[in-house]
Structures are given as structure tokens and as C-alpha cells.
Amino acid sequence: QVQLVESGGGLVQAGGSLRLSCAASGTIFTPNVMGWYRQAPGKLRELVAAINSVSTTNYGKSAKGRFTISRDNAENSVYLQMNNLKPEDTDIYYCGYGRAWYSLDYWGQGTQVTVSS
């Protein structure tokens, strides 16, 4: 089992920035993919950004040009720097961990990001 603990969400004004962090613990395996997804009530979870063990990245449409994903393999952690936030970025953001792109097996509890206009 892998446990994921997220932090860094909150309330910010439009144009502001937030940095999300996620630390993995437990039965860590490599190679792996860590990523951030977002989900609104009643909607499907969608990709924000993901990164694999060699730091190849994959961004969803909403993130391109504004968000940057990074990781620290020694700390089993992934980060999401979110700049120029917009009200439509408001959502619950989930950290995921797994063996392959689009196949994340473990999820954190989510962190709320709220952007006010």
C-alpha cells in the first residue's frame, strides 16, 4: 500500500499562486508516475499534470503555460506550482501515484483550491 498526504491548497485571489505538495509513503515502487488530478462534484476526475520517475511530464489543457509539476525522488514527493490562477481552477485537487500514465492506483484525500474573482 502507498499512502499519499497532500498539502498547500487554500483560498487565493485570481492572478495569485499556490504550491501543492504531496508526499508518498509505504510500499514505494519504481518506476512510477505521480500526478495531480482535479475533480468537481458529479464530474469525472481530469488530469492536471503528471510526472514520471525520470521527470517526463504530461499536462492537461487547463494547466499548460500556468502550472509546473516537479518531483523529488529522494523524498518521494511531487509538487504543483500553480501561477496566474483563475476562478475556473477552483476544484478539489487529488494527488495520485501509480505504475503508468493514466493508471494511478493510489490517491490522496484531496486538497481544496478556491480562486476568488
PDB file of N, CA and C in Angstrom:
ATOM      1  N   GLN A   1       0.827  -1.193   0.000  1.00  0.00           N
ATOM      2  CA  GLN A   1       0.000   0.000   0.000  1.00  0.00           C
ATOM      3  C   GLN A   1       0.867   1.250   0.000  1.00  0.00           C
ATOM      4  N   VAL A   2       0.340   2.266  -0.626  1.00  0.00           N
ATOM      5  CA  VAL A   2       1.009   3.562  -0.677  1.00  0.00           C
ATOM      6  C   VAL A   2       0.062   4.598  -0.097  1.00  0.00           C
ATOM      7  N   GLN A   3       0.578   5.402   0.788  1.00  0.00           N
ATOM      8  CA  GLN A   3      -0.203   6.484   1.370  1.00  0.00           C
ATOM      9  C   GLN A   3       0.290   7.814   0.805  1.00  0.00           C
ATOM     10  N   LEU A   4      -0.653   8.691   0.538  1.00  0.00           N
ATOM     11  CA  LEU A   4      -0.334   9.997  -0.035  1.00  0.00           C
ATOM     12  C   LEU A   4      -0.910  11.081   0.860  1.00  0.00           C
ATOM     13  N   VAL A   5      -0.082  12.049   1.181  1.00  0.00           N
ATOM     14  CA  VAL A   5      -0.515  13.168   2.012  1.00  0.00           C
ATOM     15  C   VAL A   5      -0.294  14.457   1.238  1.00  0.00           C
ATOM     16  N   GLU A   6      -1.380  15.184   1.015  1.00  0.00           N
ATOM     17  CA  GLU A   6      -1.331  16.426   0.230  1.00  0.00           C
ATOM     18  C   GLU A   6      -1.361  17.632   1.164  1.00  0.00           C
ATOM     19  N   SER A   7      -0.804  18.716   0.667  1.00  0.00           N
ATOM     20  CA  SER A   7      -0.884  19.982   1.398  1.00  0.00           C
ATOM     21  C   SER A   7      -0.746  21.127   0.411  1.00  0.00           C
ATOM     22  N   GLY A   8      -1.115  22.317   0.843  1.00  0.00           N
ATOM     23  CA  GLY A   8      -0.882  23.509   0.044  1.00  0.00           C
ATOM     24  C   GLY A   8      -2.102  24.137  -0.588  1.00  0.00           C
ATOM     25  N   GLY A   9      -3.249  23.502  -0.481  1.00  0.00           N
ATOM     26  CA  GLY A   9      -4.437  24.124  -1.040  1.00  0.00           C
ATOM     27  C   GLY A   9      -4.865  25.322  -0.211  1.00  0.00           C
ATOM     28  N   GLY A  10      -5.888  26.035  -0.703  1.00  0.00           N
ATOM     29  CA  GLY A  10      -6.384  27.177   0.042  1.00  0.00           C
ATOM     30  C   GLY A  10      -7.171  28.122  -0.828  1.00  0.00           C
ATOM     31  N   LEU A  11      -7.373  29.315  -0.302  1.00  0.00           N
ATOM     32  CA  LEU A  11      -8.128  30.359  -0.987  1.00  0.00           C
ATOM     33  C   LEU A  11      -7.154  31.425  -1.475  1.00  0.00           C
ATOM     34  N   VAL A  12      -7.285  31.790  -2.739  1.00  0.00           N
ATOM     35  CA  VAL A  12      -6.400  32.800  -3.316  1.00  0.00           C
ATOM     36  C   VAL A  12      -7.209  33.640  -4.298  1.00  0.00           C
ATOM     37  N   GLN A  13      -6.778  34.852  -4.493  1.00  0.00           N
ATOM     38  CA  GLN A  13      -7.446  35.710  -5.468  1.00  0.00           C
ATOM     39  C   GLN A  13      -6.961  35.382  -6.875  1.00  0.00           C
ATOM     40  N   ALA A  14      -7.807  35.685  -7.827  1.00  0.00           N
ATOM     41  CA  ALA A  14      -7.433  35.478  -9.225  1.00  0.00           C
ATOM     42  C   ALA A  14      -6.113  36.190  -9.526  1.00  0.00           C
ATOM     43  N   GLY A  15      -5.245  35.503 -10.263  1.00  0.00           N
ATOM     44  CA  GLY A  15      -3.923  36.031 -10.564  1.00  0.00           C
ATOM     45  C   GLY A  15      -2.863  35.601  -9.568  1.00  0.00           C
ATOM     46  N   GLY A  16      -3.285  35.024  -8.461  1.00  0.00           N
ATOM     47  CA  GLY A  16      -2.352  34.601  -7.435  1.00  0.00           C
ATOM     48  C   GLY A  16      -1.754  33.222  -7.713  1.00  0.00           C
ATOM     49  N   SER A  17      -0.992  32.741  -6.748  1.00  0.00           N
ATOM     50  CA  SER A  17      -0.275  31.470  -6.899  1.00  0.00           C
ATOM     51  C   SER A  17      -0.485  30.592  -5.683  1.00  0.00           C
ATOM     52  N   LEU A  18      -0.397  29.300  -5.919  1.00  0.00           N
ATOM     53  CA  LEU A  18      -0.387  28.303  -4.857  1.00  0.00           C
ATOM     54  C   LEU A  18       0.607  27.220  -5.242  1.00  0.00           C
ATOM     55  N   ARG A  19       1.126  26.553  -4.237  1.00  0.00           N
ATOM     56  CA  ARG A  19       2.009  25.408  -4.481  1.00  0.00           C
ATOM     57  C   ARG A  19       1.469  24.218  -3.707  1.00  0.00           C
ATOM     58  N   LEU A  20       1.098  23.187  -4.445  1.00  0.00           N
ATOM     59  CA  LEU A  20       0.608  21.959  -3.830  1.00  0.00           C
ATOM     60  C   LEU A  20       1.771  20.992  -3.650  1.00  0.00           C
ATOM     61  N   SER A  21       1.734  20.261  -2.543  1.00  0.00           N
ATOM     62  CA  SER A  21       2.748  19.253  -2.262  1.00  0.00           C
ATOM     63  C   SER A  21       2.067  17.934  -1.944  1.00  0.00           C
ATOM     64  N   CYS A  22       2.753  16.861  -2.277  1.00  0.00           N
ATOM     65  CA  CYS A  22       2.231  15.519  -1.995  1.00  0.00           C
ATOM     66  C   CYS A  22       3.405  14.615  -1.679  1.00  0.00           C
ATOM     67  N   ALA A  23       3.322  13.945  -0.541  1.00  0.00           N
ATOM     68  CA  ALA A  23       4.376  13.026  -0.136  1.00  0.00           C
ATOM     69  C   ALA A  23       3.828  11.613  -0.096  1.00  0.00           C
ATOM     70  N   ALA A  24       4.551  10.695  -0.705  1.00  0.00           N
ATOM     71  CA  ALA A  24       4.168   9.286  -0.730  1.00  0.00           C
ATOM     72  C   ALA A  24       4.975   8.510   0.302  1.00  0.00           C
ATOM     73  N   SER A  25       4.319   7.545   0.926  1.00  0.00           N
ATOM     74  CA  SER A  25       4.995   6.661   1.873  1.00  0.00           C
ATOM     75  C   SER A  25       4.397   5.274   1.764  1.00  0.00           C
ATOM     76  N   GLY A  26       5.074   4.313   2.384  1.00  0.00           N
ATOM     77  CA  GLY A  26       4.591   2.938   2.333  1.00  0.00           C
ATOM     78  C   GLY A  26       5.429   2.105   1.385  1.00  0.00           C
ATOM     79  N   THR A  27       4.761   1.255   0.610  1.00  0.00           N
ATOM     80  CA  THR A  27       5.468   0.344  -0.302  1.00  0.00           C
ATOM     81  C   THR A  27       5.719   1.068  -1.630  1.00  0.00           C
ATOM     82  N   ILE A  28       6.765   1.864  -1.631  1.00  0.00           N
ATOM     83  CA  ILE A  28       7.096   2.666  -2.815  1.00  0.00           C
ATOM     84  C   ILE A  28       7.701   1.750  -3.869  1.00  0.00           C
ATOM     85  N   PHE A  29       7.282   1.926  -5.117  1.00  0.00           N
ATOM     86  CA  PHE A  29       7.855   1.154  -6.200  1.00  0.00           C
ATOM     87  C   PHE A  29       8.370   2.105  -7.283  1.00  0.00           C
ATOM     88  N   THR A  30       9.335   1.624  -8.016  1.00  0.00           N
ATOM     89  CA  THR A  30       9.883   2.386  -9.141  1.00  0.00           C
ATOM     90  C   THR A  30      10.036   1.473 -10.339  1.00  0.00           C
ATOM     91  N   PRO A  31       9.853   1.968 -11.558  1.00  0.00           N
ATOM     92  CA  PRO A  31       9.479   3.354 -11.844  1.00  0.00           C
ATOM     93  C   PRO A  31       8.024   3.636 -11.448  1.00  0.00           C
ATOM     94  N   ASN A  32       7.697   4.889 -11.383  1.00  0.00           N
ATOM     95  CA  ASN A  32       6.334   5.250 -11.023  1.00  0.00           C
ATOM     96  C   ASN A  32       5.950   6.563 -11.682  1.00  0.00           C
ATOM     97  N   VAL A  33       4.699   6.861 -11.598  1.00  0.00           N
ATOM     98  CA  VAL A  33       4.158   8.129 -12.071  1.00  0.00           C
ATOM     99  C   VAL A  33       3.418   8.773 -10.909  1.00  0.00           C
ATOM    100  N   MET A  34       3.652  10.045 -10.703  1.00  0.00           N
ATOM    101  CA  MET A  34       2.906  10.800  -9.711  1.00  0.00           C
ATOM    102  C   MET A  34       2.233  11.959 -10.430  1.00  0.00           C
ATOM    103  N   GLY A  35       1.057  12.288  -9.978  1.00  0.00           N
ATOM    104  CA  GLY A  35       0.360  13.344 -10.703  1.00  0.00           C
ATOM    105  C   GLY A  35      -0.716  14.016  -9.885  1.00  0.00           C
ATOM    106  N   TRP A  36      -1.247  15.053 -10.478  1.00  0.00           N
ATOM    107  CA  TRP A  36      -2.331  15.815  -9.880  1.00  0.00           C
ATOM    108  C   TRP A  36      -3.528  15.788 -10.818  1.00  0.00           C
ATOM    109  N   TYR A  37      -4.658  15.458 -10.245  1.00  0.00           N
ATOM    110  CA  TYR A  37      -5.918  15.484 -10.964  1.00  0.00           C
ATOM    111  C   TYR A  37      -6.868  16.392 -10.216  1.00  0.00           C
ATOM    112  N   ARG A  38      -7.880  16.852 -10.904  1.00  0.00           N
ATOM    113  CA  ARG A  38      -8.894  17.684 -10.279  1.00  0.00           C
ATOM    114  C   ARG A  38     -10.261  17.066 -10.512  1.00  0.00           C
ATOM    115  N   GLN A  39     -11.148  17.333  -9.589  1.00  0.00           N
ATOM    116  CA  GLN A  39     -12.490  16.772  -9.724  1.00  0.00           C
ATOM    117  C   GLN A  39     -13.496  17.661  -9.042  1.00  0.00           C
ATOM    118  N   ALA A  40     -14.534  17.999  -9.756  1.00  0.00           N
ATOM    119  CA  ALA A  40     -15.655  18.727  -9.193  1.00  0.00           C
ATOM    120  C   ALA A  40     -16.768  17.742  -8.881  1.00  0.00           C
ATOM    121  N   PRO A  41     -17.643  18.054  -7.959  1.00  0.00           N
ATOM    122  CA  PRO A  41     -18.746  17.140  -7.623  1.00  0.00           C
ATOM    123  C   PRO A  41     -19.555  16.758  -8.856  1.00  0.00           C
ATOM    124  N   GLY A  42     -19.767  15.479  -9.033  1.00  0.00           N
ATOM    125  CA  GLY A  42     -20.563  14.995 -10.147  1.00  0.00           C
ATOM    126  C   GLY A  42     -19.831  14.921 -11.466  1.00  0.00           C
ATOM    127  N   LYS A  43     -18.553  15.241 -11.462  1.00  0.00           N
ATOM    128  CA  LYS A  43     -17.790  15.209 -12.705  1.00  0.00           C
ATOM    129  C   LYS A  43     -16.659  14.201 -12.612  1.00  0.00           C
ATOM    130  N   LEU A  44     -16.133  13.830 -13.784  1.00  0.00           N
ATOM    131  CA  LEU A  44     -15.021  12.900 -13.819  1.00  0.00           C
ATOM    132  C   LEU A  44     -13.734  13.582 -13.364  1.00  0.00           C
ATOM    133  N   ARG A  45     -12.849  12.772 -12.823  1.00  0.00           N
ATOM    134  CA  ARG A  45     -11.545  13.292 -12.446  1.00  0.00           C
ATOM    135  C   ARG A  45     -10.745  13.538 -13.721  1.00  0.00           C
ATOM    136  N   GLU A  46     -10.093  14.700 -13.803  1.00  0.00           N
ATOM    137  CA  GLU A  46      -9.344  15.013 -15.008  1.00  0.00           C
ATOM    138  C   GLU A  46      -7.900  15.380 -14.686  1.00  0.00           C
ATOM    139  N   LEU A  47      -7.038  15.086 -15.623  1.00  0.00           N
ATOM    140  CA  LEU A  47      -5.613  15.325 -15.448  1.00  0.00           C
ATOM    141  C   LEU A  47      -5.309  16.808 -15.378  1.00  0.00           C
ATOM    142  N   VAL A  48      -4.495  17.166 -14.370  1.00  0.00           N
ATOM    143  CA  VAL A  48      -3.905  18.496 -14.338  1.00  0.00           C
ATOM    144  C   VAL A  48      -2.468  18.388 -14.836  1.00  0.00           C
ATOM    145  N   ALA A  49      -1.684  17.534 -14.184  1.00  0.00           N
ATOM    146  CA  ALA A  49      -0.297  17.322 -14.601  1.00  0.00           C
ATOM    147  C   ALA A  49       0.208  16.046 -13.968  1.00  0.00           C
ATOM    148  N   ALA A  50       1.131  15.376 -14.651  1.00  0.00           N
ATOM    149  CA  ALA A  50       1.733  14.160 -14.129  1.00  0.00           C
ATOM    150  C   ALA A  50       3.201  14.138 -14.507  1.00  0.00           C
ATOM    151  N   ILE A  51       3.969  13.361 -13.745  1.00  0.00           N
ATOM    152  CA  ILE A  51       5.412  13.300 -13.961  1.00  0.00           C
ATOM    153  C   ILE A  51       5.890  11.902 -13.598  1.00  0.00           C
ATOM    154  N   ASN A  52       6.804  11.355 -14.414  1.00  0.00           N
ATOM    155  CA  ASN A  52       7.284  10.014 -14.108  1.00  0.00           C
ATOM    156  C   ASN A  52       8.637  10.072 -13.403  1.00  0.00           C
ATOM    157  N   SER A  53       9.209   8.900 -13.170  1.00  0.00           N
ATOM    158  CA  SER A  53      10.434   8.803 -12.365  1.00  0.00           C
ATOM    159  C   SER A  53      11.616   9.514 -12.986  1.00  0.00           C
ATOM    160  N   VAL A  54      11.605   9.691 -14.305  1.00  0.00           N
ATOM    161  CA  VAL A  54      12.724  10.391 -14.958  1.00  0.00           C
ATOM    162  C   VAL A  54      12.322  11.807 -15.350  1.00  0.00           C
ATOM    163  N   SER A  55      11.240  12.271 -14.720  1.00  0.00           N
ATOM    164  CA  SER A  55      10.773  13.654 -14.848  1.00  0.00           C
ATOM    165  C   SER A  55      10.237  14.034 -16.219  1.00  0.00           C
ATOM    166  N   THR A  56       9.779  13.058 -16.952  1.00  0.00           N
ATOM    167  CA  THR A  56       8.980  13.369 -18.132  1.00  0.00           C
ATOM    168  C   THR A  56       7.612  13.836 -17.646  1.00  0.00           C
ATOM    169  N   THR A  57       7.103  14.909 -18.239  1.00  0.00           N
ATOM    170  CA  THR A  57       5.866  15.497 -17.750  1.00  0.00           C
ATOM    171  C   THR A  57       4.741  15.411 -18.777  1.00  0.00           C
ATOM    172  N   ASN A  58       3.534  15.485 -18.280  1.00  0.00           N
ATOM    173  CA  ASN A  58       2.335  15.459 -19.104  1.00  0.00           C
ATOM    174  C   ASN A  58       1.337  16.422 -18.466  1.00  0.00           C
ATOM    175  N   TYR A  59       0.872  17.397 -19.243  1.00  0.00           N
ATOM    176  CA  TYR A  59      -0.019  18.419 -18.705  1.00  0.00           C
ATOM    177  C   TYR A  59      -1.396  18.339 -19.354  1.00  0.00           C
ATOM    178  N   GLY A  60      -2.410  18.581 -18.549  1.00  0.00           N
ATOM    179  CA  GLY A  60      -3.740  18.740 -19.073  1.00  0.00           C
ATOM    180  C   GLY A  60      -3.909  20.132 -19.662  1.00  0.00           C
ATOM    181  N   LYS A  61      -4.980  20.307 -20.408  1.00  0.00           N
ATOM    182  CA  LYS A  61      -5.184  21.574 -21.117  1.00  0.00           C
ATOM    183  C   LYS A  61      -5.247  22.755 -20.163  1.00  0.00           C
ATOM    184  N   SER A  62      -5.871  22.585 -19.024  1.00  0.00           N
ATOM    185  CA  SER A  62      -6.057  23.708 -18.106  1.00  0.00           C
ATOM    186  C   SER A  62      -4.748  24.171 -17.469  1.00  0.00           C
ATOM    187  N   ALA A  63      -3.742  23.313 -17.485  1.00  0.00           N
ATOM    188  CA  ALA A  63      -2.502  23.609 -16.776  1.00  0.00           C
ATOM    189  C   ALA A  63      -1.412  24.207 -17.663  1.00  0.00           C
ATOM    190  N   LYS A  64      -1.500  23.963 -18.947  1.00  0.00           N
ATOM    191  CA  LYS A  64      -0.405  24.344 -19.841  1.00  0.00           C
ATOM    192  C   LYS A  64      -0.137  25.840 -19.799  1.00  0.00           C
ATOM    193  N   GLY A  65       1.132  26.172 -19.581  1.00  0.00           N
ATOM    194  CA  GLY A  65       1.548  27.571 -19.572  1.00  0.00           C
ATOM    195  C   GLY A  65       1.412  28.268 -18.237  1.00  0.00           C
ATOM    196  N   ARG A  66       0.695  27.651 -17.296  1.00  0.00           N
ATOM    197  CA  ARG A  66       0.491  28.306 -15.991  1.00  0.00           C
ATOM    198  C   ARG A  66       0.980  27.469 -14.818  1.00  0.00           C
ATOM    199  N   PHE A  67       0.909  26.149 -14.961  1.00  0.00           N
ATOM    200  CA  PHE A  67       1.295  25.264 -13.853  1.00  0.00           C
ATOM    201  C   PHE A  67       2.576  24.524 -14.210  1.00  0.00           C
ATOM    202  N   THR A  68       3.346  24.198 -13.176  1.00  0.00           N
ATOM    203  CA  THR A  68       4.565  23.419 -13.358  1.00  0.00           C
ATOM    204  C   THR A  68       4.599  22.297 -12.341  1.00  0.00           C
ATOM    205  N   ILE A  69       4.766  21.080 -12.820  1.00  0.00           N
ATOM    206  CA  ILE A  69       4.892  19.941 -11.927  1.00  0.00           C
ATOM    207  C   ILE A  69       6.356  19.570 -11.789  1.00  0.00           C
ATOM    208  N   SER A  70       6.736  19.157 -10.596  1.00  0.00           N
ATOM    209  CA  SER A  70       8.111  18.713 -10.345  1.00  0.00           C
ATOM    210  C   SER A  70       8.072  17.634  -9.283  1.00  0.00           C
ATOM    211  N   ARG A  71       9.195  16.965  -9.102  1.00  0.00           N
ATOM    212  CA  ARG A  71       9.239  15.916  -8.086  1.00  0.00           C
ATOM    213  C   ARG A  71      10.609  15.831  -7.457  1.00  0.00           C
ATOM    214  N   ASP A  72      10.624  15.231  -6.285  1.00  0.00           N
ATOM    215  CA  ASP A  72      11.862  14.943  -5.568  1.00  0.00           C
ATOM    216  C   ASP A  72      11.847  13.457  -5.281  1.00  0.00           C
ATOM    217  N   ASN A  73      12.609  12.694  -6.048  1.00  0.00           N
ATOM    218  CA  ASN A  73      12.583  11.232  -5.890  1.00  0.00           C
ATOM    219  C   ASN A  73      13.113  10.800  -4.529  1.00  0.00           C
ATOM    220  N   ALA A  74      14.067  11.511  -4.008  1.00  0.00           N
ATOM    221  CA  ALA A  74      14.625  11.140  -2.702  1.00  0.00           C
ATOM    222  C   ALA A  74      13.580  11.282  -1.600  1.00  0.00           C
ATOM    223  N   GLU A  75      12.650  12.228  -1.781  1.00  0.00           N
ATOM    224  CA  GLU A  75      11.602  12.458  -0.791  1.00  0.00           C
ATOM    225  C   GLU A  75      10.280  11.816  -1.190  1.00  0.00           C
ATOM    226  N   ASN A  76      10.253  11.137  -2.331  1.00  0.00           N
ATOM    227  CA  ASN A  76       9.000  10.540  -2.835  1.00  0.00           C
ATOM    228  C   ASN A  76       7.879  11.568  -2.850  1.00  0.00           C
ATOM    229  N   SER A  77       8.199  12.729  -3.345  1.00  0.00           N
ATOM    230  CA  SER A  77       7.244  13.842  -3.312  1.00  0.00           C
ATOM    231  C   SER A  77       7.062  14.444  -4.693  1.00  0.00           C
ATOM    232  N   VAL A  78       5.889  15.008  -4.873  1.00  0.00           N
ATOM    233  CA  VAL A  78       5.566  15.713  -6.108  1.00  0.00           C
ATOM    234  C   VAL A  78       4.972  17.064  -5.741  1.00  0.00           C
ATOM    235  N   TYR A  79       5.237  18.037  -6.595  1.00  0.00           N
ATOM    236  CA  TYR A  79       4.807  19.394  -6.331  1.00  0.00           C
ATOM    237  C   TYR A  79       4.095  19.955  -7.560  1.00  0.00           C
ATOM    238  N   LEU A  80       3.159  20.860  -7.310  1.00  0.00           N
ATOM    239  CA  LEU A  80       2.485  21.542  -8.410  1.00  0.00           C
ATOM    240  C   LEU A  80       2.495  23.035  -8.114  1.00  0.00           C
ATOM    241  N   GLN A  81       3.283  23.764  -8.876  1.00  0.00           N
ATOM    242  CA  GLN A  81       3.306  25.218  -8.766  1.00  0.00           C
ATOM    243  C   GLN A  81       2.239  25.776  -9.692  1.00  0.00           C
ATOM    244  N   MET A  82       1.289  26.483  -9.106  1.00  0.00           N
ATOM    245  CA  MET A  82       0.152  26.997  -9.853  1.00  0.00           C
ATOM    246  C   MET A  82       0.234  28.515  -9.862  1.00  0.00           C
ATOM    247  N   ASN A  83       0.428  29.076 -11.032  1.00  0.00           N
ATOM    248  CA  ASN A  83       0.536  30.525 -11.180  1.00  0.00           C
ATOM    249  C   ASN A  83      -0.629  31.071 -12.000  1.00  0.00           C
ATOM    250  N   ASN A  84      -0.842  32.372 -11.861  1.00  0.00           N
ATOM    251  CA  ASN A  84      -1.913  33.037 -12.609  1.00  0.00           C
ATOM    252  C   ASN A  84      -3.227  32.272 -12.479  1.00  0.00           C
ATOM    253  N   LEU A  85      -3.600  31.988 -11.270  1.00  0.00           N
ATOM    254  CA  LEU A  85      -4.802  31.186 -11.027  1.00  0.00           C
ATOM    255  C   LEU A  85      -6.057  31.934 -11.446  1.00  0.00           C
ATOM    256  N   LYS A  86      -7.026  31.173 -11.918  1.00  0.00           N
ATOM    257  CA  LYS A  86      -8.288  31.710 -12.397  1.00  0.00           C
ATOM    258  C   LYS A  86      -9.435  31.092 -11.607  1.00  0.00           C
ATOM    259  N   PRO A  87     -10.580  31.775 -11.517  1.00  0.00           N
ATOM    260  CA  PRO A  87     -11.712  31.185 -10.785  1.00  0.00           C
ATOM    261  C   PRO A  87     -12.087  29.791 -11.282  1.00  0.00           C
ATOM    262  N   GLU A  88     -11.915  29.535 -12.565  1.00  0.00           N
ATOM    263  CA  GLU A  88     -12.266  28.212 -13.098  1.00  0.00           C
ATOM    264  C   GLU A  88     -11.290  27.124 -12.661  1.00  0.00           C
ATOM    265  N   ASP A  89     -10.198  27.493 -11.990  1.00  0.00           N
ATOM    266  CA  ASP A  89      -9.294  26.496 -11.420  1.00  0.00           C
ATOM    267  C   ASP A  89      -9.827  25.958 -10.097  1.00  0.00           C
ATOM    268  N   THR A  90     -10.873  26.553  -9.583  1.00  0.00           N
ATOM    269  CA  THR A  90     -11.456  26.110  -8.314  1.00  0.00           C
ATOM    270  C   THR A  90     -11.921  24.672  -8.422  1.00  0.00           C
ATOM    271  N   ASP A  91     -11.453  23.847  -7.482  1.00  0.00           N
ATOM    272  CA  ASP A  91     -11.771  22.424  -7.519  1.00  0.00           C
ATOM    273  C   ASP A  91     -11.072  21.739  -6.349  1.00  0.00           C
ATOM    274  N   ILE A  92     -11.359  20.452  -6.200  1.00  0.00           N
ATOM    275  CA  ILE A  92     -10.565  19.625  -5.299  1.00  0.00           C
ATOM    276  C   ILE A  92      -9.465  18.985  -6.130  1.00  0.00           C
ATOM    277  N   TYR A  93      -8.242  19.083  -5.663  1.00  0.00           N
ATOM    278  CA  TYR A  93      -7.088  18.542  -6.378  1.00  0.00           C
ATOM    279  C   TYR A  93      -6.590  17.300  -5.628  1.00  0.00           C
ATOM    280  N   TYR A  94      -6.425  16.231  -6.381  1.00  0.00           N
ATOM    281  CA  TYR A  94      -6.017  14.946  -5.817  1.00  0.00           C
ATOM    282  C   TYR A  94      -4.635  14.564  -6.326  1.00  0.00           C
ATOM    283  N   CYS A  95      -3.827  14.069  -5.417  1.00  0.00           N
ATOM    284  CA  CYS A  95      -2.529  13.511  -5.780  1.00  0.00           C
ATOM    285  C   CYS A  95      -2.692  12.028  -6.046  1.00  0.00           C
ATOM    286  N   GLY A  96      -2.094  11.564  -7.126  1.00  0.00           N
ATOM    287  CA  GLY A  96      -2.166  10.160  -7.482  1.00  0.00           C
ATOM    288  C   GLY A  96      -0.788   9.558  -7.670  1.00  0.00           C
ATOM    289  N   TYR A  97      -0.726   8.241  -7.532  1.00  0.00           N
ATOM    290  CA  TYR A  97       0.549   7.506  -7.619  1.00  0.00           C
ATOM    291  C   TYR A  97       0.272   6.172  -8.281  1.00  0.00           C
ATOM    292  N   GLY A  98       1.122   5.819  -9.246  1.00  0.00           N
ATOM    293  CA  GLY A  98       0.903   4.531  -9.898  1.00  0.00           C
ATOM    294  C   GLY A  98       2.063   4.126 -10.774  1.00  0.00           C
ATOM    295  N   ARG A  99       1.853   3.064 -11.542  1.00  0.00           N
ATOM    296  CA  ARG A  99       2.942   2.494 -12.337  1.00  0.00           C
ATOM    297  C   ARG A  99       3.002   3.052 -13.751  1.00  0.00           C
ATOM    298  N   ALA A 100       1.930   3.672 -14.202  1.00  0.00           N
ATOM    299  CA  ALA A 100       1.902   4.107 -15.596  1.00  0.00           C
ATOM    300  C   ALA A 100       1.025   5.345 -15.746  1.00  0.00           C
ATOM    301  N   TRP A 101       1.254   6.062 -16.856  1.00  0.00           N
ATOM    302  CA  TRP A 101       0.396   7.189 -17.190  1.00  0.00           C
ATOM    303  C   TRP A 101      -1.063   6.720 -17.239  1.00  0.00           C
ATOM    304  N   TYR A 102      -1.954   7.516 -16.718  1.00  0.00           N
ATOM    305  CA  TYR A 102      -3.394   7.258 -16.745  1.00  0.00           C
ATOM    306  C   TYR A 102      -3.760   5.953 -16.044  1.00  0.00           C
ATOM    307  N   SER A 103      -2.881   5.465 -15.183  1.00  0.00           N
ATOM    308  CA  SER A 103      -3.170   4.250 -14.419  1.00  0.00           C
ATOM    309  C   SER A 103      -2.626   4.427 -13.017  1.00  0.00           C
ATOM    310  N   LEU A 104      -3.165   5.431 -12.326  1.00  0.00           N
ATOM    311  CA  LEU A 104      -2.722   5.701 -10.970  1.00  0.00           C
ATOM    312  C   LEU A 104      -3.592   4.915 -10.009  1.00  0.00           C
ATOM    313  N   ASP A 105      -2.940   4.172  -9.149  1.00  0.00           N
ATOM    314  CA  ASP A 105      -3.647   3.217  -8.303  1.00  0.00           C
ATOM    315  C   ASP A 105      -3.959   3.752  -6.923  1.00  0.00           C
ATOM    316  N   TYR A 106      -3.229   4.745  -6.493  1.00  0.00           N
ATOM    317  CA  TYR A 106      -3.380   5.256  -5.142  1.00  0.00           C
ATOM    318  C   TYR A 106      -3.667   6.753  -5.206  1.00  0.00           C
ATOM    319  N   TRP A 107      -4.517   7.177  -4.266  1.00  0.00           N
ATOM    320  CA  TRP A 107      -4.945   8.577  -4.275  1.00  0.00           C
ATOM    321  C   TRP A 107      -4.915   9.157  -2.873  1.00  0.00           C
ATOM    322  N   GLY A 108      -4.605  10.446  -2.818  1.00  0.00           N
ATOM    323  CA  GLY A 108      -4.719  11.155  -1.562  1.00  0.00           C
ATOM    324  C   GLY A 108      -6.158  11.558  -1.308  1.00  0.00           C
ATOM    325  N   GLN A 109      -6.382  12.234  -0.205  1.00  0.00           N
ATOM    326  CA  GLN A 109      -7.734  12.614   0.177  1.00  0.00           C
ATOM    327  C   GLN A 109      -8.211  13.884  -0.520  1.00  0.00           C
ATOM    328  N   GLY A 110      -7.298  14.577  -1.162  1.00  0.00           N
ATOM    329  CA  GLY A 110      -7.672  15.773  -1.895  1.00  0.00           C
ATOM    330  C   GLY A 110      -7.436  17.040  -1.092  1.00  0.00           C
ATOM    331  N   THR A 111      -7.154  18.108  -1.806  1.00  0.00           N
ATOM    332  CA  THR A 111      -6.983  19.406  -1.171  1.00  0.00           C
ATOM    333  C   THR A 111      -7.769  20.437  -1.980  1.00  0.00           C
ATOM    334  N   GLN A 112      -8.502  21.268  -1.277  1.00  0.00           N
ATOM    335  CA  GLN A 112      -9.372  22.235  -1.932  1.00  0.00           C
ATOM    336  C   GLN A 112      -8.575  23.443  -2.402  1.00  0.00           C
ATOM    337  N   VAL A 113      -8.781  23.801  -3.649  1.00  0.00           N
ATOM    338  CA  VAL A 113      -8.226  25.038  -4.205  1.00  0.00           C
ATOM    339  C   VAL A 113      -9.408  25.922  -4.592  1.00  0.00           C
ATOM    340  N   THR A 114      -9.449  27.117  -4.043  1.00  0.00           N
ATOM    341  CA  THR A 114     -10.520  28.058  -4.337  1.00  0.00           C
ATOM    342  C   THR A 114      -9.910  29.375  -4.809  1.00  0.00           C
ATOM    343  N   VAL A 115     -10.331  29.801  -5.987  1.00  0.00           N
ATOM    344  CA  VAL A 115      -9.824  31.050  -6.560  1.00  0.00           C
ATOM    345  C   VAL A 115     -10.981  32.038  -6.662  1.00  0.00           C
ATOM    346  N   SER A 116     -10.854  33.136  -5.980  1.00  0.00           N
ATOM    347  CA  SER A 116     -11.912  34.143  -5.993  1.00  0.00           C
ATOM    348  C   SER A 116     -11.642  35.176  -7.085  1.00  0.00           C
ATOM    349  N   SER A 117     -12.714  35.702  -7.616  1.00  0.00           N
ATOM    350  CA  SER A 117     -12.586  36.690  -8.704  1.00  0.00           C
ATOM    351  C   SER A 117     -12.473  38.112  -8.173  1.00  0.00           C
TER     352      SER A 117
END
